[in-house]
Amino acid sequence: MITGLRIGHGYDAHRLVAGCDMILCGVKIPCEYGPDGHSDADAPLHALTDAILGAAVLGDIGAHFPDTDPALRGASSARLLTQAYGKVKSAGYELVNADITIILQAPRIAQHINQMREAVAAALGCDAERINVKATTEEKMGFTGSGEGIAAHAVVLLAAAS
């Protein structure tokens, strides 16, 4: 077994469209539009799933949960994260901490951050103290700033399980 610490980074982006639910870190945010995707299109959780899998050198979200699989249509990204983390734990690692950045011009989501941290922690079976979620805009620049889309980055630290 490989021992020590492992760092992973993940990134995801989705187009925003009217009529889709705005689900961020497993929390439904009141909004008339949301990210479009094969699953529930929770970009922050997709980025986190990629970061966790990457840190354990287990590929990426698309390899484990392809968007060509009809069984995953509308799937909960929190459920996919839980399944991916199970694979990471089976490989001998546990989460030390995760840091998620959501890039979105609107709606403002600061009031939902603690609920998001709790939802991510529940999906991973850990304390919310290990999860950080923050949000930023791109000052009306680029596809996120114009309101066309959402992006998210996640960084995680894994440790060899003791």
C-alpha atoms as a PDB file:
ATOM      1  CA  MET A   1       0.000   0.000   0.000  1.00  0.00           C
ATOM      2  CA  ILE A   2       1.207   3.501  -0.786  1.00  0.00           C
ATOM      3  CA  THR A   3       1.427   5.608   2.341  1.00  0.00           C
ATOM      4  CA  GLY A   4       1.421   9.306   3.000  1.00  0.00           C
ATOM      5  CA  LEU A   5      -0.536  12.285   1.804  1.00  0.00           C
ATOM      6  CA  ARG A   6      -2.164  12.729  -1.603  1.00  0.00           C
ATOM      7  CA  ILE A   7      -3.481  15.963  -3.149  1.00  0.00           C
ATOM      8  CA  GLY A   8      -6.181  16.066  -5.810  1.00  0.00           C
ATOM      9  CA  HIS A   9      -7.714  18.868  -7.863  1.00  0.00           C
ATOM     10  CA  GLY A  10     -11.011  18.832  -9.741  1.00  0.00           C
ATOM     11  CA  TYR A  11     -12.778  21.241 -12.078  1.00  0.00           C
ATOM     12  CA  ASP A  12     -16.221  21.215 -13.633  1.00  0.00           C
ATOM     13  CA  ALA A  13     -18.416  23.633 -15.578  1.00  0.00           C
ATOM     14  CA  HIS A  14     -21.980  23.547 -16.866  1.00  0.00           C
ATOM     15  CA  ARG A  15     -24.181  25.766 -18.993  1.00  0.00           C
ATOM     16  CA  LEU A  16     -27.010  27.455 -17.075  1.00  0.00           C
ATOM     17  CA  VAL A  17     -30.492  27.063 -18.556  1.00  0.00           C
ATOM     18  CA  ALA A  18     -34.019  28.040 -17.558  1.00  0.00           C
ATOM     19  CA  GLY A  19     -36.093  25.313 -15.952  1.00  0.00           C
ATOM     20  CA  CYS A  20     -33.201  23.292 -14.488  1.00  0.00           C
ATOM     21  CA  ASP A  21     -32.802  22.986 -10.734  1.00  0.00           C
ATOM     22  CA  MET A  22     -29.891  24.881  -9.186  1.00  0.00           C
ATOM     23  CA  ILE A  23     -28.301  22.177  -7.038  1.00  0.00           C
ATOM     24  CA  LEU A  24     -24.968  23.121  -5.471  1.00  0.00           C
ATOM     25  CA  CYS A  25     -23.126  20.800  -3.085  1.00  0.00           C
ATOM     26  CA  GLY A  26     -26.325  18.778  -2.755  1.00  0.00           C
ATOM     27  CA  VAL A  27     -28.458  21.783  -1.777  1.00  0.00           C
ATOM     28  CA  LYS A  28     -31.312  23.054  -3.956  1.00  0.00           C
ATOM     29  CA  ILE A  29     -30.993  26.825  -4.301  1.00  0.00           C
ATOM     30  CA  PRO A  30     -34.148  28.806  -5.191  1.00  0.00           C
ATOM     31  CA  CYS A  31     -33.621  30.019  -8.763  1.00  0.00           C
ATOM     32  CA  GLU A  32     -35.427  30.007 -12.130  1.00  0.00           C
ATOM     33  CA  TYR A  33     -32.410  28.447 -13.859  1.00  0.00           C
ATOM     34  CA  GLY A  34     -29.713  25.924 -13.113  1.00  0.00           C
ATOM     35  CA  PRO A  35     -26.922  23.852 -14.593  1.00  0.00           C
ATOM     36  CA  ASP A  36     -27.752  21.514 -17.452  1.00  0.00           C
ATOM     37  CA  GLY A  37     -26.231  18.048 -17.500  1.00  0.00           C
ATOM     38  CA  HIS A  38     -26.775  14.310 -17.652  1.00  0.00           C
ATOM     39  CA  SER A  39     -26.969  13.935 -13.865  1.00  0.00           C
ATOM     40  CA  ASP A  40     -28.263  16.680 -11.563  1.00  0.00           C
ATOM     41  CA  ALA A  41     -25.294  18.741 -12.888  1.00  0.00           C
ATOM     42  CA  ASP A  42     -24.015  19.709  -9.427  1.00  0.00           C
ATOM     43  CA  ALA A  43     -20.742  21.243 -10.660  1.00  0.00           C
ATOM     44  CA  PRO A  44     -19.124  21.643  -7.217  1.00  0.00           C
ATOM     45  CA  LEU A  45     -19.729  17.982  -6.374  1.00  0.00           C
ATOM     46  CA  HIS A  46     -18.457  16.905  -9.798  1.00  0.00           C
ATOM     47  CA  ALA A  47     -15.261  18.864  -9.172  1.00  0.00           C
ATOM     48  CA  LEU A  48     -14.969  17.344  -5.687  1.00  0.00           C
ATOM     49  CA  THR A  49     -15.522  13.829  -7.014  1.00  0.00           C
ATOM     50  CA  ASP A  50     -12.772  14.365  -9.596  1.00  0.00           C
ATOM     51  CA  ALA A  51     -10.436  15.741  -6.909  1.00  0.00           C
ATOM     52  CA  ILE A  52     -11.000  12.769  -4.602  1.00  0.00           C
ATOM     53  CA  LEU A  53     -10.596  10.213  -7.368  1.00  0.00           C
ATOM     54  CA  GLY A  54      -7.547  12.017  -8.724  1.00  0.00           C
ATOM     55  CA  ALA A  55      -5.800  12.150  -5.360  1.00  0.00           C
ATOM     56  CA  ALA A  56      -6.158   8.371  -5.088  1.00  0.00           C
ATOM     57  CA  VAL A  57      -5.067   7.936  -8.742  1.00  0.00           C
ATOM     58  CA  LEU A  58      -8.406   6.331  -9.606  1.00  0.00           C
ATOM     59  CA  GLY A  59      -9.178   8.275 -12.774  1.00  0.00           C
ATOM     60  CA  ASP A  60     -12.037  10.731 -13.023  1.00  0.00           C
ATOM     61  CA  ILE A  61     -15.779  11.018 -12.664  1.00  0.00           C
ATOM     62  CA  GLY A  62     -16.389  10.242 -16.344  1.00  0.00           C
ATOM     63  CA  ALA A  63     -14.549   6.927 -16.104  1.00  0.00           C
ATOM     64  CA  HIS A  64     -16.658   5.796 -13.149  1.00  0.00           C
ATOM     65  CA  PHE A  65     -19.973   7.478 -14.014  1.00  0.00           C
ATOM     66  CA  PRO A  66     -20.116   8.102 -17.786  1.00  0.00           C
ATOM     67  CA  ASP A  67     -22.671  10.541 -19.175  1.00  0.00           C
ATOM     68  CA  THR A  68     -23.507   7.899 -21.768  1.00  0.00           C
ATOM     69  CA  ASP A  69     -25.032   5.638 -19.098  1.00  0.00           C
ATOM     70  CA  PRO A  70     -28.829   6.040 -19.239  1.00  0.00           C
ATOM     71  CA  ALA A  71     -29.086   4.753 -15.652  1.00  0.00           C
ATOM     72  CA  LEU A  72     -27.283   7.903 -14.492  1.00  0.00           C
ATOM     73  CA  ARG A  73     -29.748  10.319 -16.155  1.00  0.00           C
ATOM     74  CA  GLY A  74     -30.749  12.783 -13.406  1.00  0.00           C
ATOM     75  CA  ALA A  75     -28.590  10.976 -10.825  1.00  0.00           C
ATOM     76  CA  SER A  76     -27.786  12.644  -7.533  1.00  0.00           C
ATOM     77  CA  SER A  77     -24.213  13.914  -7.624  1.00  0.00           C
ATOM     78  CA  ALA A  78     -24.099  13.458  -3.837  1.00  0.00           C
ATOM     79  CA  ARG A  79     -24.784   9.745  -4.344  1.00  0.00           C
ATOM     80  CA  LEU A  80     -22.051   9.555  -6.995  1.00  0.00           C
ATOM     81  CA  LEU A  81     -19.634  11.330  -4.631  1.00  0.00           C
ATOM     82  CA  THR A  82     -20.441   8.835  -1.864  1.00  0.00           C
ATOM     83  CA  GLN A  83     -19.809   5.920  -4.246  1.00  0.00           C
ATOM     84  CA  ALA A  84     -16.534   7.420  -5.481  1.00  0.00           C
ATOM     85  CA  TYR A  85     -15.351   8.044  -1.932  1.00  0.00           C
ATOM     86  CA  GLY A  86     -16.134   4.411  -1.108  1.00  0.00           C
ATOM     87  CA  LYS A  87     -13.675   3.406  -3.856  1.00  0.00           C
ATOM     88  CA  VAL A  88     -11.089   5.793  -2.440  1.00  0.00           C
ATOM     89  CA  LYS A  89     -11.525   4.347   1.044  1.00  0.00           C
ATOM     90  CA  SER A  90     -11.195   0.826  -0.387  1.00  0.00           C
ATOM     91  CA  ALA A  91      -7.882   1.939  -1.922  1.00  0.00           C
ATOM     92  CA  GLY A  92      -6.688   2.790   1.586  1.00  0.00           C
ATOM     93  CA  TYR A  93      -7.238   6.548   1.852  1.00  0.00           C
ATOM     94  CA  GLU A  94      -9.362   8.866   3.932  1.00  0.00           C
ATOM     95  CA  LEU A  95     -10.233  12.522   3.507  1.00  0.00           C
ATOM     96  CA  VAL A  96      -8.222  15.029   5.531  1.00  0.00           C
ATOM     97  CA  ASN A  97     -10.018  18.069   4.119  1.00  0.00           C
ATOM     98  CA  ALA A  98     -11.679  19.502   1.015  1.00  0.00           C
ATOM     99  CA  ASP A  99     -11.833  23.067  -0.271  1.00  0.00           C
ATOM    100  CA  ILE A 100     -14.455  23.909  -2.908  1.00  0.00           C
ATOM    101  CA  THR A 101     -14.762  27.154  -4.884  1.00  0.00           C
ATOM    102  CA  ILE A 102     -18.002  27.880  -6.768  1.00  0.00           C
ATOM    103  CA  ILE A 103     -17.763  30.463  -9.556  1.00  0.00           C
ATOM    104  CA  LEU A 104     -21.185  31.926 -10.317  1.00  0.00           C
ATOM    105  CA  GLN A 105     -22.379  35.445 -11.055  1.00  0.00           C
ATOM    106  CA  ALA A 106     -25.881  34.908  -9.681  1.00  0.00           C
ATOM    107  CA  PRO A 107     -27.712  33.968  -7.571  1.00  0.00           C
ATOM    108  CA  ARG A 108     -25.781  34.957  -4.473  1.00  0.00           C
ATOM    109  CA  ILE A 109     -25.292  31.822  -2.405  1.00  0.00           C
ATOM    110  CA  ALA A 110     -23.459  32.948   0.752  1.00  0.00           C
ATOM    111  CA  GLN A 111     -26.514  32.234   2.921  1.00  0.00           C
ATOM    112  CA  HIS A 112     -26.435  28.563   1.811  1.00  0.00           C
ATOM    113  CA  ILE A 113     -22.731  27.867   2.468  1.00  0.00           C
ATOM    114  CA  ASN A 114     -23.151  26.195   5.876  1.00  0.00           C
ATOM    115  CA  GLN A 115     -25.941  23.978   4.565  1.00  0.00           C
ATOM    116  CA  MET A 116     -23.688  23.019   1.624  1.00  0.00           C
ATOM    117  CA  ARG A 117     -20.809  22.159   3.969  1.00  0.00           C
ATOM    118  CA  GLU A 118     -23.128  19.945   6.005  1.00  0.00           C
ATOM    119  CA  ALA A 119     -24.497  18.221   2.884  1.00  0.00           C
ATOM    120  CA  VAL A 120     -21.007  17.488   1.532  1.00  0.00           C
ATOM    121  CA  ALA A 121     -19.896  16.196   4.933  1.00  0.00           C
ATOM    122  CA  ALA A 122     -22.955  13.916   5.073  1.00  0.00           C
ATOM    123  CA  ALA A 123     -22.154  12.513   1.610  1.00  0.00           C
ATOM    124  CA  LEU A 124     -18.593  11.774   2.733  1.00  0.00           C
ATOM    125  CA  GLY A 125     -19.463  10.608   6.247  1.00  0.00           C
ATOM    126  CA  CYS A 126     -17.197  13.161   7.919  1.00  0.00           C
ATOM    127  CA  ASP A 127     -17.387  16.265  10.086  1.00  0.00           C
ATOM    128  CA  ALA A 128     -18.288  19.531   8.350  1.00  0.00           C
ATOM    129  CA  GLU A 129     -15.091  20.968   9.870  1.00  0.00           C
ATOM    130  CA  ARG A 130     -13.224  19.100   7.112  1.00  0.00           C
ATOM    131  CA  ILE A 131     -15.211  20.802   4.338  1.00  0.00           C
ATOM    132  CA  ASN A 132     -14.815  24.377   3.120  1.00  0.00           C
ATOM    133  CA  VAL A 133     -17.126  25.893   0.513  1.00  0.00           C
ATOM    134  CA  LYS A 134     -16.738  29.387  -0.859  1.00  0.00           C
ATOM    135  CA  ALA A 135     -18.204  31.325  -3.748  1.00  0.00           C
ATOM    136  CA  THR A 136     -16.966  34.053  -6.022  1.00  0.00           C
ATOM    137  CA  THR A 137     -17.976  35.884  -9.163  1.00  0.00           C
ATOM    138  CA  GLU A 138     -15.746  36.760 -12.085  1.00  0.00           C
ATOM    139  CA  GLU A 139     -16.853  40.391 -12.072  1.00  0.00           C
ATOM    140  CA  LYS A 140     -19.077  39.873 -15.129  1.00  0.00           C
ATOM    141  CA  MET A 141     -16.199  38.471 -17.221  1.00  0.00           C
ATOM    142  CA  GLY A 142     -16.252  35.199 -19.153  1.00  0.00           C
ATOM    143  CA  PHE A 143     -19.008  32.589 -19.348  1.00  0.00           C
ATOM    144  CA  THR A 144     -19.641  32.601 -15.604  1.00  0.00           C
ATOM    145  CA  GLY A 145     -19.651  36.388 -15.379  1.00  0.00           C
ATOM    146  CA  SER A 146     -22.114  36.724 -18.234  1.00  0.00           C
ATOM    147  CA  GLY A 147     -24.459  34.245 -16.547  1.00  0.00           C
ATOM    148  CA  GLU A 148     -24.030  31.602 -19.263  1.00  0.00           C
ATOM    149  CA  GLY A 149     -22.567  29.041 -16.915  1.00  0.00           C
ATOM    150  CA  ILE A 150     -21.220  27.899 -13.585  1.00  0.00           C
ATOM    151  CA  ALA A 151     -17.769  26.562 -12.769  1.00  0.00           C
ATOM    152  CA  ALA A 152     -16.277  24.955  -9.694  1.00  0.00           C
ATOM    153  CA  HIS A 153     -12.848  23.936  -8.452  1.00  0.00           C
ATOM    154  CA  ALA A 154     -12.105  21.532  -5.628  1.00  0.00           C
ATOM    155  CA  VAL A 155      -8.884  20.591  -3.896  1.00  0.00           C
ATOM    156  CA  VAL A 156      -8.616  17.690  -1.465  1.00  0.00           C
ATOM    157  CA  LEU A 157      -6.019  16.194   0.802  1.00  0.00           C
ATOM    158  CA  LEU A 158      -6.158  12.466   1.419  1.00  0.00           C
ATOM    159  CA  ALA A 159      -4.109  10.498   3.936  1.00  0.00           C
ATOM    160  CA  ALA A 160      -3.309   6.828   4.005  1.00  0.00           C
ATOM    161  CA  ALA A 161      -5.841   5.236   6.339  1.00  0.00           C
ATOM    162  CA  SER A 162      -4.389   4.057   9.608  1.00  0.00           C
END
